[in-house]
Protein backbone atom coordinates (compact mmCIF):
# COMPACT_ATOMS: atom_id res chain seq x y z
CA MET A 1 -160.82 166.09 46.72
CA GLU A 2 -160.73 169.27 44.59
CA ASP A 3 -163.78 168.13 42.61
CA LYS A 4 -165.70 167.51 45.83
CA VAL A 5 -164.83 170.94 47.19
CA GLU A 6 -165.68 172.72 43.93
CA ALA A 7 -169.01 170.88 43.73
CA ALA A 8 -169.77 171.99 47.30
CA ARG A 9 -168.84 175.59 46.44
CA GLN A 10 -171.17 175.55 43.45
CA ARG A 11 -174.00 174.06 45.53
CA TYR A 12 -173.44 176.68 48.24
CA ASN A 13 -173.57 179.47 45.64
CA GLU A 14 -176.82 178.05 44.24
CA LEU A 15 -178.39 178.08 47.71
CA TYR A 16 -177.03 181.50 48.72
CA PRO A 17 -176.50 183.63 45.60
CA ASP A 18 -176.48 186.75 47.79
CA ARG A 19 -173.54 185.36 49.85
CA PRO A 20 -171.34 183.71 47.19
CA ILE A 21 -167.97 182.12 47.70
CA LYS A 22 -165.92 183.72 44.93
CA GLN A 23 -162.84 181.50 45.10
CA ILE A 24 -161.51 178.47 46.90
CA GLY A 25 -158.44 179.19 48.98
CA ASP A 26 -155.60 176.87 49.91
CA THR A 27 -156.12 176.53 53.66
CA PRO A 28 -157.67 173.58 55.58
CA ASP A 29 -160.71 175.80 56.28
CA VAL A 30 -161.95 175.13 52.74
CA TYR A 31 -162.57 171.44 53.39
CA TYR A 32 -163.88 172.05 56.90
CA TYR A 33 -166.53 174.62 55.96
CA LEU A 34 -167.56 173.29 52.56
CA VAL A 35 -167.47 169.53 53.17
CA MET A 36 -167.54 168.77 56.88
CA MET A 37 -170.09 171.51 57.69
CA ARG A 38 -172.14 170.87 54.56
CA GLY A 39 -175.13 169.63 56.58
CA VAL A 40 -175.36 172.97 58.37
CA TRP A 41 -175.37 175.25 55.32
CA GLU A 42 -177.50 172.87 53.25
CA ASN A 43 -180.15 173.05 55.97
CA GLY A 44 -180.62 176.81 55.87
CA THR A 45 -177.71 178.35 57.75
CA PRO A 46 -175.36 180.21 55.39
CA LEU A 47 -171.71 180.68 56.25
CA SER A 48 -170.84 183.86 58.14
CA ASP A 49 -168.72 186.57 56.53
CA ARG A 50 -165.73 185.35 58.55
CA GLN A 51 -166.25 181.77 57.40
CA ILE A 52 -166.55 182.82 53.75
CA LYS A 53 -163.31 184.81 54.07
CA ALA A 54 -161.64 181.73 55.60
CA VAL A 55 -162.77 179.59 52.65
CA GLU A 56 -161.48 182.17 50.15
CA ALA A 57 -158.16 182.77 51.97
CA ILE A 58 -154.91 182.19 50.09
CA THR A 59 -151.70 181.51 52.01
CA PRO A 60 -149.22 184.35 51.36
CA PRO A 61 -146.17 183.31 49.29
CA GLY A 62 -143.16 182.44 51.45
CA CYS A 63 -145.27 182.11 54.58
CA PHE A 64 -143.75 178.71 55.44
CA SER A 65 -140.18 179.34 54.34
């Protein structure tokens, strides 16, 4: 799954170099926005700032303990 997500991130960054995704976070939003919504952003609608932040988000250490 990680390869699929990274390939989607690279493709997104090729299409929208002015709105890059700098890192892949560790939340379920990564798969949702990069894989499940791929048809939307591949057809000319880039992710919003909020969506990019959700893809880049990292869960804080100790958040589930």
